[in-house]
Amino acid sequence: MKLCYLLYAIANEILMFLRSSKKYSNDVYLQEPIGIDKEGNEVTLEDKIADEKNPIEDQVNLKIQVRMLKDKMKKTLRGREMTVIELRYGLNAQDEVTQREIADMLGISRSYVKRLRYSKYFL
């Protein structure tokens, strides 16, 4: 009887140690709850990755394409051209801005904004 209790106590201590050390490790488990949805159901990382509306592969591909586009823009565009394109298309986590708003911000005409936007680089 004492041996059974001793084995149970040791097993319990091992489990408690593993659970407490898990908090300090960098391991991430797909089935581990990360939050609760609107209906009160637990949400796991696996649920978020498997989101059919916005697949993770599409998100990664889009980020890669945006990074490549930004690199090409940095090599090609200068000064105002870069500013106009970034503002007009909402790059760098900004909202899209109209040509009129860009013209007002930069103190130039709307037609000049349009020329910068459709400059030789985009023909």
PDB file of N, CA and C in Angstrom:
ATOM      1  N   MET A   1       0.822  -1.184   0.000  1.00  0.00           N
ATOM      2  CA  MET A   1       0.000   0.000   0.000  1.00  0.00           C
ATOM      3  C   MET A   1       0.872   1.254   0.000  1.00  0.00           C
ATOM      4  N   LYS A   2       1.911   1.242   0.861  1.00  0.00           N
ATOM      5  CA  LYS A   2       2.801   2.393   0.919  1.00  0.00           C
ATOM      6  C   LYS A   2       3.559   2.559  -0.385  1.00  0.00           C
ATOM      7  N   LEU A   3       3.898   1.452  -1.043  1.00  0.00           N
ATOM      8  CA  LEU A   3       4.614   1.507  -2.319  1.00  0.00           C
ATOM      9  C   LEU A   3       3.729   2.144  -3.389  1.00  0.00           C
ATOM     10  N   CYS A   4       2.468   1.784  -3.419  1.00  0.00           N
ATOM     11  CA  CYS A   4       1.517   2.370  -4.369  1.00  0.00           C
ATOM     12  C   CYS A   4       1.423   3.885  -4.155  1.00  0.00           C
ATOM     13  N   TYR A   5       1.281   4.274  -2.914  1.00  0.00           N
ATOM     14  CA  TYR A   5       1.200   5.700  -2.597  1.00  0.00           C
ATOM     15  C   TYR A   5       2.481   6.411  -2.998  1.00  0.00           C
ATOM     16  N   LEU A   6       3.606   5.786  -2.765  1.00  0.00           N
ATOM     17  CA  LEU A   6       4.893   6.369  -3.100  1.00  0.00           C
ATOM     18  C   LEU A   6       5.027   6.549  -4.611  1.00  0.00           C
ATOM     19  N   LEU A   7       4.632   5.538  -5.379  1.00  0.00           N
ATOM     20  CA  LEU A   7       4.693   5.634  -6.848  1.00  0.00           C
ATOM     21  C   LEU A   7       3.766   6.742  -7.348  1.00  0.00           C
ATOM     22  N   TYR A   8       2.568   6.799  -6.770  1.00  0.00           N
ATOM     23  CA  TYR A   8       1.612   7.841  -7.160  1.00  0.00           C
ATOM     24  C   TYR A   8       2.173   9.228  -6.840  1.00  0.00           C
ATOM     25  N   ALA A   9       2.771   9.402  -5.687  1.00  0.00           N
ATOM     26  CA  ALA A   9       3.340  10.684  -5.276  1.00  0.00           C
ATOM     27  C   ALA A   9       4.495  11.094  -6.190  1.00  0.00           C
ATOM     28  N   ILE A  10       5.332  10.138  -6.557  1.00  0.00           N
ATOM     29  CA  ILE A  10       6.469  10.431  -7.447  1.00  0.00           C
ATOM     30  C   ILE A  10       5.962  10.829  -8.831  1.00  0.00           C
ATOM     31  N   ALA A  11       4.997  10.059  -9.336  1.00  0.00           N
ATOM     32  CA  ALA A  11       4.428  10.363 -10.658  1.00  0.00           C
ATOM     33  C   ALA A  11       3.787  11.751 -10.657  1.00  0.00           C
ATOM     34  N   ASN A  12       3.094  12.067  -9.571  1.00  0.00           N
ATOM     35  CA  ASN A  12       2.446  13.370  -9.455  1.00  0.00           C
ATOM     36  C   ASN A  12       3.490  14.495  -9.415  1.00  0.00           C
ATOM     37  N   GLU A  13       4.567  14.306  -8.698  1.00  0.00           N
ATOM     38  CA  GLU A  13       5.632  15.315  -8.626  1.00  0.00           C
ATOM     39  C   GLU A  13       6.269  15.524  -9.998  1.00  0.00           C
ATOM     40  N   ILE A  14       6.481  14.437 -10.730  1.00  0.00           N
ATOM     41  CA  ILE A  14       7.056  14.537 -12.084  1.00  0.00           C
ATOM     42  C   ILE A  14       6.130  15.336 -12.986  1.00  0.00           C
ATOM     43  N   LEU A  15       4.836  15.036 -12.938  1.00  0.00           N
ATOM     44  CA  LEU A  15       3.869  15.776 -13.750  1.00  0.00           C
ATOM     45  C   LEU A  15       3.842  17.258 -13.385  1.00  0.00           C
ATOM     46  N   MET A  16       3.865  17.556 -12.111  1.00  0.00           N
ATOM     47  CA  MET A  16       3.865  18.951 -11.678  1.00  0.00           C
ATOM     48  C   MET A  16       5.124  19.670 -12.166  1.00  0.00           C
ATOM     49  N   PHE A  17       6.261  18.994 -12.105  1.00  0.00           N
ATOM     50  CA  PHE A  17       7.506  19.589 -12.587  1.00  0.00           C
ATOM     51  C   PHE A  17       7.429  19.864 -14.085  1.00  0.00           C
ATOM     52  N   LEU A  18       6.929  18.895 -14.858  1.00  0.00           N
ATOM     53  CA  LEU A  18       6.819  19.076 -16.298  1.00  0.00           C
ATOM     54  C   LEU A  18       5.880  20.226 -16.642  1.00  0.00           C
ATOM     55  N   ARG A  19       4.775  20.325 -15.945  1.00  0.00           N
ATOM     56  CA  ARG A  19       3.829  21.418 -16.203  1.00  0.00           C
ATOM     57  C   ARG A  19       4.432  22.769 -15.866  1.00  0.00           C
ATOM     58  N   SER A  20       5.143  22.857 -14.762  1.00  0.00           N
ATOM     59  CA  SER A  20       5.731  24.142 -14.379  1.00  0.00           C
ATOM     60  C   SER A  20       6.894  24.510 -15.297  1.00  0.00           C
ATOM     61  N   SER A  21       7.675  23.534 -15.744  1.00  0.00           N
ATOM     62  CA  SER A  21       8.804  23.847 -16.627  1.00  0.00           C
ATOM     63  C   SER A  21       8.314  24.208 -18.019  1.00  0.00           C
ATOM     64  N   LYS A  22       7.131  23.750 -18.395  1.00  0.00           N
ATOM     65  CA  LYS A  22       6.559  24.071 -19.697  1.00  0.00           C
ATOM     66  C   LYS A  22       6.310  25.573 -19.815  1.00  0.00           C
ATOM     67  N   LYS A  23       5.968  26.209 -18.709  1.00  0.00           N
ATOM     68  CA  LYS A  23       5.708  27.645 -18.707  1.00  0.00           C
ATOM     69  C   LYS A  23       6.944  28.438 -19.099  1.00  0.00           C
ATOM     70  N   TYR A  24       8.107  27.900 -18.811  1.00  0.00           N
ATOM     71  CA  TYR A  24       9.343  28.626 -19.066  1.00  0.00           C
ATOM     72  C   TYR A  24      10.039  28.202 -20.351  1.00  0.00           C
ATOM     73  N   SER A  25       9.497  27.227 -21.034  1.00  0.00           N
ATOM     74  CA  SER A  25      10.128  26.780 -22.276  1.00  0.00           C
ATOM     75  C   SER A  25       9.558  27.567 -23.445  1.00  0.00           C
ATOM     76  N   ASN A  26      10.241  27.530 -24.547  1.00  0.00           N
ATOM     77  CA  ASN A  26       9.795  28.224 -25.748  1.00  0.00           C
ATOM     78  C   ASN A  26       8.991  27.322 -26.666  1.00  0.00           C
ATOM     79  N   ASP A  27       8.614  26.157 -26.185  1.00  0.00           N
ATOM     80  CA  ASP A  27       7.843  25.232 -27.003  1.00  0.00           C
ATOM     81  C   ASP A  27       6.437  25.775 -27.226  1.00  0.00           C
ATOM     82  N   VAL A  28       5.953  25.601 -28.450  1.00  0.00           N
ATOM     83  CA  VAL A  28       4.596  26.013 -28.792  1.00  0.00           C
ATOM     84  C   VAL A  28       3.877  24.794 -29.327  1.00  0.00           C
ATOM     85  N   TYR A  29       2.693  24.551 -28.804  1.00  0.00           N
ATOM     86  CA  TYR A  29       1.913  23.393 -29.229  1.00  0.00           C
ATOM     87  C   TYR A  29       0.685  23.873 -29.990  1.00  0.00           C
ATOM     88  N   LEU A  30       0.426  23.233 -31.120  1.00  0.00           N
ATOM     89  CA  LEU A  30      -0.685  23.643 -31.965  1.00  0.00           C
ATOM     90  C   LEU A  30      -2.037  23.475 -31.281  1.00  0.00           C
ATOM     91  N   GLN A  31      -2.156  22.495 -30.395  1.00  0.00           N
ATOM     92  CA  GLN A  31      -3.433  22.225 -29.739  1.00  0.00           C
ATOM     93  C   GLN A  31      -3.614  23.037 -28.451  1.00  0.00           C
ATOM     94  N   GLU A  32      -2.636  23.820 -28.077  1.00  0.00           N
ATOM     95  CA  GLU A  32      -2.704  24.593 -26.845  1.00  0.00           C
ATOM     96  C   GLU A  32      -3.638  25.792 -27.026  1.00  0.00           C
ATOM     97  N   PRO A  33      -4.558  26.020 -26.092  1.00  0.00           N
ATOM     98  CA  PRO A  33      -5.478  27.154 -26.217  1.00  0.00           C
ATOM     99  C   PRO A  33      -4.731  28.492 -26.202  1.00  0.00           C
ATOM    100  N   ILE A  34      -5.151  29.401 -27.105  1.00  0.00           N
ATOM    101  CA  ILE A  34      -4.527  30.727 -27.151  1.00  0.00           C
ATOM    102  C   ILE A  34      -5.541  31.832 -26.882  1.00  0.00           C
ATOM    103  N   GLY A  35      -6.812  31.449 -26.742  1.00  0.00           N
ATOM    104  CA  GLY A  35      -7.841  32.454 -26.486  1.00  0.00           C
ATOM    105  C   GLY A  35      -9.223  31.850 -26.577  1.00  0.00           C
ATOM    106  N   ILE A  36     -10.211  32.737 -26.604  1.00  0.00           N
ATOM    107  CA  ILE A  36     -11.608  32.321 -26.662  1.00  0.00           C
ATOM    108  C   ILE A  36     -12.291  33.128 -27.756  1.00  0.00           C
ATOM    109  N   ASP A  37     -13.133  32.455 -28.569  1.00  0.00           N
ATOM    110  CA  ASP A  37     -13.846  33.156 -29.634  1.00  0.00           C
ATOM    111  C   ASP A  37     -15.116  33.818 -29.090  1.00  0.00           C
ATOM    112  N   LYS A  38     -15.896  34.423 -29.986  1.00  0.00           N
ATOM    113  CA  LYS A  38     -17.099  35.162 -29.585  1.00  0.00           C
ATOM    114  C   LYS A  38     -18.144  34.287 -28.910  1.00  0.00           C
ATOM    115  N   GLU A  39     -18.175  33.008 -29.283  1.00  0.00           N
ATOM    116  CA  GLU A  39     -19.154  32.089 -28.700  1.00  0.00           C
ATOM    117  C   GLU A  39     -18.666  31.467 -27.395  1.00  0.00           C
ATOM    118  N   GLY A  40     -17.466  31.782 -26.970  1.00  0.00           N
ATOM    119  CA  GLY A  40     -16.934  31.243 -25.725  1.00  0.00           C
ATOM    120  C   GLY A  40     -16.161  29.949 -25.899  1.00  0.00           C
ATOM    121  N   ASN A  41     -15.910  29.536 -27.129  1.00  0.00           N
ATOM    122  CA  ASN A  41     -15.140  28.320 -27.390  1.00  0.00           C
ATOM    123  C   ASN A  41     -13.645  28.635 -27.353  1.00  0.00           C
ATOM    124  N   GLU A  42     -12.866  27.667 -26.868  1.00  0.00           N
ATOM    125  CA  GLU A  42     -11.411  27.848 -26.876  1.00  0.00           C
ATOM    126  C   GLU A  42     -10.896  27.834 -28.306  1.00  0.00           C
ATOM    127  N   VAL A  43      -9.937  28.695 -28.570  1.00  0.00           N
ATOM    128  CA  VAL A  43      -9.310  28.773 -29.878  1.00  0.00           C
ATOM    129  C   VAL A  43      -7.870  28.332 -29.728  1.00  0.00           C
ATOM    130  N   THR A  44      -7.425  27.452 -30.623  1.00  0.00           N
ATOM    131  CA  THR A  44      -6.045  26.979 -30.596  1.00  0.00           C
ATOM    132  C   THR A  44      -5.263  27.586 -31.750  1.00  0.00           C
ATOM    133  N   LEU A  45      -3.963  27.474 -31.688  1.00  0.00           N
ATOM    134  CA  LEU A  45      -3.113  27.943 -32.777  1.00  0.00           C
ATOM    135  C   LEU A  45      -3.435  27.177 -34.054  1.00  0.00           C
ATOM    136  N   GLU A  46      -3.731  25.920 -33.912  1.00  0.00           N
ATOM    137  CA  GLU A  46      -4.100  25.086 -35.051  1.00  0.00           C
ATOM    138  C   GLU A  46      -5.343  25.634 -35.750  1.00  0.00           C
ATOM    139  N   ASP A  47      -6.311  26.103 -34.973  1.00  0.00           N
ATOM    140  CA  ASP A  47      -7.525  26.693 -35.548  1.00  0.00           C
ATOM    141  C   ASP A  47      -7.195  27.926 -36.376  1.00  0.00           C
ATOM    142  N   LYS A  48      -6.304  28.766 -35.862  1.00  0.00           N
ATOM    143  CA  LYS A  48      -5.950  29.995 -36.559  1.00  0.00           C
ATOM    144  C   LYS A  48      -5.170  29.706 -37.841  1.00  0.00           C
ATOM    145  N   ILE A  49      -4.293  28.720 -37.804  1.00  0.00           N
ATOM    146  CA  ILE A  49      -3.509  28.376 -38.987  1.00  0.00           C
ATOM    147  C   ILE A  49      -4.402  27.779 -40.060  1.00  0.00           C
ATOM    148  N   ALA A  50      -5.405  27.016 -39.642  1.00  0.00           N
ATOM    149  CA  ALA A  50      -6.291  26.335 -40.586  1.00  0.00           C
ATOM    150  C   ALA A  50      -7.454  27.217 -41.025  1.00  0.00           C
ATOM    151  N   ASP A  51      -7.393  28.508 -40.768  1.00  0.00           N
ATOM    152  CA  ASP A  51      -8.457  29.431 -41.153  1.00  0.00           C
ATOM    153  C   ASP A  51      -8.643  29.378 -42.665  1.00  0.00           C
ATOM    154  N   GLU A  52      -9.784  28.891 -43.107  1.00  0.00           N
ATOM    155  CA  GLU A  52     -10.033  28.697 -44.539  1.00  0.00           C
ATOM    156  C   GLU A  52     -10.247  30.005 -45.278  1.00  0.00           C
ATOM    157  N   LYS A  53     -10.714  31.038 -44.596  1.00  0.00           N
ATOM    158  CA  LYS A  53     -10.964  32.317 -45.244  1.00  0.00           C
ATOM    159  C   LYS A  53      -9.671  33.016 -45.632  1.00  0.00           C
ATOM    160  N   ASN A  54      -8.632  32.787 -44.854  1.00  0.00           N
ATOM    161  CA  ASN A  54      -7.366  33.480 -45.065  1.00  0.00           C
ATOM    162  C   ASN A  54      -6.219  32.511 -44.796  1.00  0.00           C
ATOM    163  N   PRO A  55      -5.972  31.560 -45.724  1.00  0.00           N
ATOM    164  CA  PRO A  55      -4.944  30.537 -45.481  1.00  0.00           C
ATOM    165  C   PRO A  55      -3.577  31.144 -45.190  1.00  0.00           C
ATOM    166  N   ILE A  56      -2.848  30.493 -44.303  1.00  0.00           N
ATOM    167  CA  ILE A  56      -1.539  30.988 -43.876  1.00  0.00           C
ATOM    168  C   ILE A  56      -0.565  31.070 -45.058  1.00  0.00           C
ATOM    169  N   GLU A  57      -0.692  30.159 -46.017  1.00  0.00           N
ATOM    170  CA  GLU A  57       0.208  30.184 -47.174  1.00  0.00           C
ATOM    171  C   GLU A  57       0.008  31.464 -47.973  1.00  0.00           C
ATOM    172  N   ASP A  58      -1.265  31.885 -48.129  1.00  0.00           N
ATOM    173  CA  ASP A  58      -1.552  33.119 -48.859  1.00  0.00           C
ATOM    174  C   ASP A  58      -0.976  34.327 -48.128  1.00  0.00           C
ATOM    175  N   GLN A  59      -1.087  34.336 -46.814  1.00  0.00           N
ATOM    176  CA  GLN A  59      -0.553  35.447 -46.026  1.00  0.00           C
ATOM    177  C   GLN A  59       0.962  35.536 -46.176  1.00  0.00           C
ATOM    178  N   VAL A  60       1.631  34.389 -46.115  1.00  0.00           N
ATOM    179  CA  VAL A  60       3.092  34.361 -46.237  1.00  0.00           C
ATOM    180  C   VAL A  60       3.505  34.801 -47.641  1.00  0.00           C
ATOM    181  N   ASN A  61       2.838  34.271 -48.667  1.00  0.00           N
ATOM    182  CA  ASN A  61       3.167  34.651 -50.043  1.00  0.00           C
ATOM    183  C   ASN A  61       2.962  36.145 -50.274  1.00  0.00           C
ATOM    184  N   LEU A  62       1.886  36.693 -49.724  1.00  0.00           N
ATOM    185  CA  LEU A  62       1.632  38.119 -49.880  1.00  0.00           C
ATOM    186  C   LEU A  62       2.734  38.937 -49.216  1.00  0.00           C
ATOM    187  N   LYS A  63       3.162  38.540 -48.015  1.00  0.00           N
ATOM    188  CA  LYS A  63       4.230  39.273 -47.324  1.00  0.00           C
ATOM    189  C   LYS A  63       5.531  39.208 -48.119  1.00  0.00           C
ATOM    190  N   ILE A  64       5.823  38.060 -48.708  1.00  0.00           N
ATOM    191  CA  ILE A  64       7.037  37.926 -49.523  1.00  0.00           C
ATOM    192  C   ILE A  64       6.949  38.831 -50.744  1.00  0.00           C
ATOM    193  N   GLN A  65       5.801  38.845 -51.409  1.00  0.00           N
ATOM    194  CA  GLN A  65       5.634  39.686 -52.596  1.00  0.00           C
ATOM    195  C   GLN A  65       5.732  41.170 -52.249  1.00  0.00           C
ATOM    196  N   VAL A  66       5.141  41.573 -51.131  1.00  0.00           N
ATOM    197  CA  VAL A  66       5.212  42.972 -50.711  1.00  0.00           C
ATOM    198  C   VAL A  66       6.656  43.360 -50.418  1.00  0.00           C
ATOM    199  N   ARG A  67       7.399  42.482 -49.738  1.00  0.00           N
ATOM    200  CA  ARG A  67       8.803  42.775 -49.438  1.00  0.00           C
ATOM    201  C   ARG A  67       9.619  42.918 -50.733  1.00  0.00           C
ATOM    202  N   MET A  68       9.381  42.030 -51.701  1.00  0.00           N
ATOM    203  CA  MET A  68      10.098  42.120 -52.975  1.00  0.00           C
ATOM    204  C   MET A  68       9.748  43.416 -53.701  1.00  0.00           C
ATOM    205  N   LEU A  69       8.468  43.789 -53.686  1.00  0.00           N
ATOM    206  CA  LEU A  69       8.032  45.033 -54.323  1.00  0.00           C
ATOM    207  C   LEU A  69       8.693  46.239 -53.662  1.00  0.00           C
ATOM    208  N   LYS A  70       8.740  46.251 -52.335  1.00  0.00           N
ATOM    209  CA  LYS A  70       9.366  47.373 -51.622  1.00  0.00           C
ATOM    210  C   LYS A  70      10.853  47.468 -51.954  1.00  0.00           C
ATOM    211  N   ASP A  71      11.522  46.324 -52.058  1.00  0.00           N
ATOM    212  CA  ASP A  71      12.942  46.344 -52.423  1.00  0.00           C
ATOM    213  C   ASP A  71      13.139  46.945 -53.814  1.00  0.00           C
ATOM    214  N   LYS A  72      12.288  46.549 -54.751  1.00  0.00           N
ATOM    215  CA  LYS A  72      12.387  47.098 -56.112  1.00  0.00           C
ATOM    216  C   LYS A  72      12.077  48.585 -56.119  1.00  0.00           C
ATOM    217  N   MET A  73      11.090  48.986 -55.313  1.00  0.00           N
ATOM    218  CA  MET A  73      10.746  50.407 -55.242  1.00  0.00           C
ATOM    219  C   MET A  73      11.917  51.217 -54.714  1.00  0.00           C
ATOM    220  N   LYS A  74      12.596  50.706 -53.677  1.00  0.00           N
ATOM    221  CA  LYS A  74      13.728  51.433 -53.095  1.00  0.00           C
ATOM    222  C   LYS A  74      14.859  51.608 -54.101  1.00  0.00           C
ATOM    223  N   LYS A  75      15.025  50.615 -54.971  1.00  0.00           N
ATOM    224  CA  LYS A  75      16.087  50.688 -55.977  1.00  0.00           C
ATOM    225  C   LYS A  75      15.715  51.636 -57.121  1.00  0.00           C
ATOM    226  N   THR A  76      14.419  51.787 -57.385  1.00  0.00           N
ATOM    227  CA  THR A  76      13.960  52.520 -58.554  1.00  0.00           C
ATOM    228  C   THR A  76      13.483  53.936 -58.253  1.00  0.00           C
ATOM    229  N   LEU A  77      12.708  54.101 -57.200  1.00  0.00           N
ATOM    230  CA  LEU A  77      12.070  55.379 -56.917  1.00  0.00           C
ATOM    231  C   LEU A  77      12.908  56.244 -55.985  1.00  0.00           C
ATOM    232  N   ARG A  78      12.742  57.543 -56.116  1.00  0.00           N
ATOM    233  CA  ARG A  78      13.448  58.491 -55.274  1.00  0.00           C
ATOM    234  C   ARG A  78      12.461  59.500 -54.703  1.00  0.00           C
ATOM    235  N   GLY A  79      12.776  60.011 -53.539  1.00  0.00           N
ATOM    236  CA  GLY A  79      12.082  61.139 -52.923  1.00  0.00           C
ATOM    237  C   GLY A  79      10.577  61.131 -53.010  1.00  0.00           C
ATOM    238  N   ARG A  80      10.062  62.122 -53.731  1.00  0.00           N
ATOM    239  CA  ARG A  80       8.610  62.308 -53.829  1.00  0.00           C
ATOM    240  C   ARG A  80       7.915  61.133 -54.499  1.00  0.00           C
ATOM    241  N   GLU A  81       8.578  60.540 -55.472  1.00  0.00           N
ATOM    242  CA  GLU A  81       7.962  59.390 -56.160  1.00  0.00           C
ATOM    243  C   GLU A  81       7.637  58.302 -55.148  1.00  0.00           C
ATOM    244  N   MET A  82       8.583  57.989 -54.298  1.00  0.00           N
ATOM    245  CA  MET A  82       8.393  56.964 -53.271  1.00  0.00           C
ATOM    246  C   MET A  82       7.288  57.369 -52.310  1.00  0.00           C
ATOM    247  N   THR A  83       7.303  58.625 -51.882  1.00  0.00           N
ATOM    248  CA  THR A  83       6.290  59.110 -50.945  1.00  0.00           C
ATOM    249  C   THR A  83       4.893  59.015 -51.551  1.00  0.00           C
ATOM    250  N   VAL A  84       4.747  59.429 -52.799  1.00  0.00           N
ATOM    251  CA  VAL A  84       3.445  59.384 -53.468  1.00  0.00           C
ATOM    252  C   VAL A  84       2.932  57.952 -53.560  1.00  0.00           C
ATOM    253  N   ILE A  85       3.779  57.029 -53.967  1.00  0.00           N
ATOM    254  CA  ILE A  85       3.354  55.631 -54.106  1.00  0.00           C
ATOM    255  C   ILE A  85       2.988  55.045 -52.747  1.00  0.00           C
ATOM    256  N   GLU A  86       3.791  55.302 -51.738  1.00  0.00           N
ATOM    257  CA  GLU A  86       3.493  54.781 -50.395  1.00  0.00           C
ATOM    258  C   GLU A  86       2.163  55.316 -49.868  1.00  0.00           C
ATOM    259  N   LEU A  87       1.932  56.615 -50.050  1.00  0.00           N
ATOM    260  CA  LEU A  87       0.689  57.207 -49.559  1.00  0.00           C
ATOM    261  C   LEU A  87      -0.520  56.744 -50.364  1.00  0.00           C
ATOM    262  N   ARG A  88      -0.381  56.735 -51.679  1.00  0.00           N
ATOM    263  CA  ARG A  88      -1.519  56.408 -52.547  1.00  0.00           C
ATOM    264  C   ARG A  88      -2.008  54.982 -52.343  1.00  0.00           C
ATOM    265  N   TYR A  89      -1.085  54.034 -52.143  1.00  0.00           N
ATOM    266  CA  TYR A  89      -1.469  52.623 -52.037  1.00  0.00           C
ATOM    267  C   TYR A  89      -1.442  52.094 -50.603  1.00  0.00           C
ATOM    268  N   GLY A  90      -1.229  52.975 -49.642  1.00  0.00           N
ATOM    269  CA  GLY A  90      -1.306  52.562 -48.248  1.00  0.00           C
ATOM    270  C   GLY A  90      -0.215  51.611 -47.817  1.00  0.00           C
ATOM    271  N   LEU A  91       0.976  51.800 -48.322  1.00  0.00           N
ATOM    272  CA  LEU A  91       2.104  50.955 -47.931  1.00  0.00           C
ATOM    273  C   LEU A  91       2.632  51.404 -46.572  1.00  0.00           C
ATOM    274  N   ASN A  92       3.445  50.582 -45.955  1.00  0.00           N
ATOM    275  CA  ASN A  92       4.020  50.866 -44.634  1.00  0.00           C
ATOM    276  C   ASN A  92       2.942  51.041 -43.567  1.00  0.00           C
ATOM    277  N   ALA A  93       1.942  50.182 -43.623  1.00  0.00           N
ATOM    278  CA  ALA A  93       0.865  50.135 -42.614  1.00  0.00           C
ATOM    279  C   ALA A  93       0.127  51.466 -42.498  1.00  0.00           C
ATOM    280  N   GLN A  94      -0.060  52.139 -43.607  1.00  0.00           N
ATOM    281  CA  GLN A  94      -0.811  53.387 -43.634  1.00  0.00           C
ATOM    282  C   GLN A  94      -2.115  53.161 -44.389  1.00  0.00           C
ATOM    283  N   ASP A  95      -3.063  54.064 -44.205  1.00  0.00           N
ATOM    284  CA  ASP A  95      -4.281  54.017 -44.998  1.00  0.00           C
ATOM    285  C   ASP A  95      -4.008  54.621 -46.366  1.00  0.00           C
ATOM    286  N   GLU A  96      -4.782  54.178 -47.376  1.00  0.00           N
ATOM    287  CA  GLU A  96      -4.650  54.763 -48.701  1.00  0.00           C
ATOM    288  C   GLU A  96      -5.100  56.217 -48.654  1.00  0.00           C
ATOM    289  N   VAL A  97      -4.432  57.053 -49.423  1.00  0.00           N
ATOM    290  CA  VAL A  97      -4.716  58.482 -49.446  1.00  0.00           C
ATOM    291  C   VAL A  97      -5.048  58.877 -50.880  1.00  0.00           C
ATOM    292  N   THR A  98      -6.007  59.790 -51.063  1.00  0.00           N
ATOM    293  CA  THR A  98      -6.377  60.232 -52.409  1.00  0.00           C
ATOM    294  C   THR A  98      -5.300  61.137 -52.989  1.00  0.00           C
ATOM    295  N   GLN A  99      -5.350  61.313 -54.325  1.00  0.00           N
ATOM    296  CA  GLN A  99      -4.392  62.197 -54.985  1.00  0.00           C
ATOM    297  C   GLN A  99      -4.536  63.623 -54.464  1.00  0.00           C
ATOM    298  N   ARG A 100      -5.758  64.042 -54.208  1.00  0.00           N
ATOM    299  CA  ARG A 100      -5.998  65.392 -53.696  1.00  0.00           C
ATOM    300  C   ARG A 100      -5.335  65.561 -52.325  1.00  0.00           C
ATOM    301  N   GLU A 101      -5.501  64.570 -51.442  1.00  0.00           N
ATOM    302  CA  GLU A 101      -4.899  64.646 -50.114  1.00  0.00           C
ATOM    303  C   GLU A 101      -3.373  64.660 -50.188  1.00  0.00           C
ATOM    304  N   ILE A 102      -2.821  63.853 -51.106  1.00  0.00           N
ATOM    305  CA  ILE A 102      -1.364  63.829 -51.287  1.00  0.00           C
ATOM    306  C   ILE A 102      -0.877  65.193 -51.766  1.00  0.00           C
ATOM    307  N   ALA A 103      -1.594  65.772 -52.726  1.00  0.00           N
ATOM    308  CA  ALA A 103      -1.223  67.086 -53.246  1.00  0.00           C
ATOM    309  C   ALA A 103      -1.223  68.117 -52.131  1.00  0.00           C
ATOM    310  N   ASP A 104      -2.242  68.077 -51.295  1.00  0.00           N
ATOM    311  CA  ASP A 104      -2.314  69.027 -50.169  1.00  0.00           C
ATOM    312  C   ASP A 104      -1.172  68.796 -49.190  1.00  0.00           C
ATOM    313  N   MET A 105      -0.856  67.543 -48.893  1.00  0.00           N
ATOM    314  CA  MET A 105       0.226  67.228 -47.952  1.00  0.00           C
ATOM    315  C   MET A 105       1.576  67.722 -48.447  1.00  0.00           C
ATOM    316  N   LEU A 106       1.827  67.495 -49.742  1.00  0.00           N
ATOM    317  CA  LEU A 106       3.141  67.811 -50.300  1.00  0.00           C
ATOM    318  C   LEU A 106       3.225  69.221 -50.880  1.00  0.00           C
ATOM    319  N   GLY A 107       2.079  69.917 -50.954  1.00  0.00           N
ATOM    320  CA  GLY A 107       2.075  71.268 -51.505  1.00  0.00           C
ATOM    321  C   GLY A 107       2.324  71.295 -53.002  1.00  0.00           C
ATOM    322  N   ILE A 108       1.808  70.300 -53.708  1.00  0.00           N
ATOM    323  CA  ILE A 108       1.958  70.226 -55.163  1.00  0.00           C
ATOM    324  C   ILE A 108       0.577  70.031 -55.775  1.00  0.00           C
ATOM    325  N   SER A 109       0.492  70.126 -57.107  1.00  0.00           N
ATOM    326  CA  SER A 109      -0.800  69.981 -57.778  1.00  0.00           C
ATOM    327  C   SER A 109      -1.181  68.509 -57.919  1.00  0.00           C
ATOM    328  N   ARG A 110      -2.491  68.276 -58.089  1.00  0.00           N
ATOM    329  CA  ARG A 110      -2.962  66.891 -58.290  1.00  0.00           C
ATOM    330  C   ARG A 110      -2.397  66.294 -59.568  1.00  0.00           C
ATOM    331  N   SER A 111      -2.251  67.118 -60.593  1.00  0.00           N
ATOM    332  CA  SER A 111      -1.714  66.601 -61.855  1.00  0.00           C
ATOM    333  C   SER A 111      -0.255  66.160 -61.684  1.00  0.00           C
ATOM    334  N   TYR A 112       0.497  66.876 -60.836  1.00  0.00           N
ATOM    335  CA  TYR A 112       1.883  66.476 -60.585  1.00  0.00           C
ATOM    336  C   TYR A 112       1.930  65.173 -59.786  1.00  0.00           C
ATOM    337  N   VAL A 113       0.992  65.021 -58.854  1.00  0.00           N
ATOM    338  CA  VAL A 113       0.892  63.757 -58.107  1.00  0.00           C
ATOM    339  C   VAL A 113       0.626  62.619 -59.082  1.00  0.00           C
ATOM    340  N   LYS A 114      -0.289  62.862 -60.032  1.00  0.00           N
ATOM    341  CA  LYS A 114      -0.623  61.832 -61.023  1.00  0.00           C
ATOM    342  C   LYS A 114       0.599  61.498 -61.876  1.00  0.00           C
ATOM    343  N   ARG A 115       1.352  62.525 -62.287  1.00  0.00           N
ATOM    344  CA  ARG A 115       2.567  62.272 -63.084  1.00  0.00           C
ATOM    345  C   ARG A 115       3.595  61.472 -62.304  1.00  0.00           C
ATOM    346  N   LEU A 116       3.755  61.796 -61.021  1.00  0.00           N
ATOM    347  CA  LEU A 116       4.693  61.031 -60.194  1.00  0.00           C
ATOM    348  C   LEU A 116       4.222  59.589 -60.038  1.00  0.00           C
ATOM    349  N   ARG A 117       2.925  59.448 -59.875  1.00  0.00           N
ATOM    350  CA  ARG A 117       2.355  58.102 -59.679  1.00  0.00           C
ATOM    351  C   ARG A 117       2.510  57.245 -60.924  1.00  0.00           C
ATOM    352  N   TYR A 118       2.319  57.844 -62.088  1.00  0.00           N
ATOM    353  CA  TYR A 118       2.426  57.098 -63.345  1.00  0.00           C
ATOM    354  C   TYR A 118       3.677  57.507 -64.109  1.00  0.00           C
ATOM    355  N   SER A 119       4.771  57.663 -63.393  1.00  0.00           N
ATOM    356  CA  SER A 119       6.012  58.093 -64.023  1.00  0.00           C
ATOM    357  C   SER A 119       6.564  57.004 -64.921  1.00  0.00           C
ATOM    358  N   LYS A 120       7.698  57.279 -65.519  1.00  0.00           N
ATOM    359  CA  LYS A 120       8.339  56.363 -66.471  1.00  0.00           C
ATOM    360  C   LYS A 120       8.552  54.971 -65.918  1.00  0.00           C
ATOM    361  N   TYR A 121       8.604  54.857 -64.590  1.00  0.00           N
ATOM    362  CA  TYR A 121       8.871  53.571 -63.971  1.00  0.00           C
ATOM    363  C   TYR A 121       7.686  52.602 -64.101  1.00  0.00           C
ATOM    364  N   PHE A 122       6.502  53.149 -64.333  1.00  0.00           N
ATOM    365  CA  PHE A 122       5.318  52.298 -64.371  1.00  0.00           C
ATOM    366  C   PHE A 122       4.741  52.163 -65.771  1.00  0.00           C
ATOM    367  N   LEU A 123       5.409  52.690 -66.780  1.00  0.00           N
ATOM    368  CA  LEU A 123       4.913  52.558 -68.158  1.00  0.00           C
ATOM    369  C   LEU A 123       5.376  51.284 -68.801  1.00  0.00           C
TER     370      LEU A 123
END
